Amino acid sequence: MKSSLAEGARNRTLAAGVLLPVAVLAAFRLLFVEPQTDLLAMRRVELEQRRGEVARARLAASRLPQLEAEVSRLRRRLAILHRGMPEAQDASAVLRSLQEVAVRSRLTMQSFALDETRPGEGYEEWPVRLEVTGGFHELASFLDAVSGLPRIVTIDRLSIRALPSGKPNSTIAATCIATTYVLREPVDGVDAVRGEGRLRR
């Protein structure tokens, strides 16, 4: 019986000797390895996200020269358009140039009146109601000269009527709306050509 007790104690010691390291390993895995494995998995997901962000940033960076070229092209085009649209203080000069073009085209200016301005986004339309008399060829010369002005001027609502015979150089009367476009002044003195800043309303 003594030997069976000793053998039972030895088996229990042996079982405890085997189970204790297994329990320690299980506890170590549960407390240290699995959290680190979860942390490692989270880090891998973050790494993949960062790699995706880097790939998108590289793609954007590769397109940057084309975008800069496009911005430069648009700025040049805006500068050209800016030359075609006077600022408010230049509008009277454009209106005078319409009258000068009529005189050079040998038309007689009967009336010349500024209609109510119409606001646009960053500009205003300044319609001018014109009435001229002269001949068909002179009117065609006037319209051609207006299209060649350095400033943008459009002609709308052109109406032509015959005049009673009497004056050989004055066979028609024409009325139209000549509209010039005027840039609004930029706020805080910011350059409107560069497209920076906000425009006054």
Foldseek 3Di string as FASTA:
>chain_A
DVVVVVVVVVVVVVVCVVVVVVVVVVVCCVPPVVVVVVVVVVVVVVVVVVVVVVVVVVVVVVCVVVVVVVLVVVLVVLVLLCQQAAAPVCVVVVLVVLVVLLVVLVKAWPDWAWDDWADDAQKIKTKIKTKIFFDPSSVVSSVVVQVVDSHDKDKADWDKDADPDDDPGGGIMIIIIIIGMHGAQFPPNDDVSSVDHHGDD
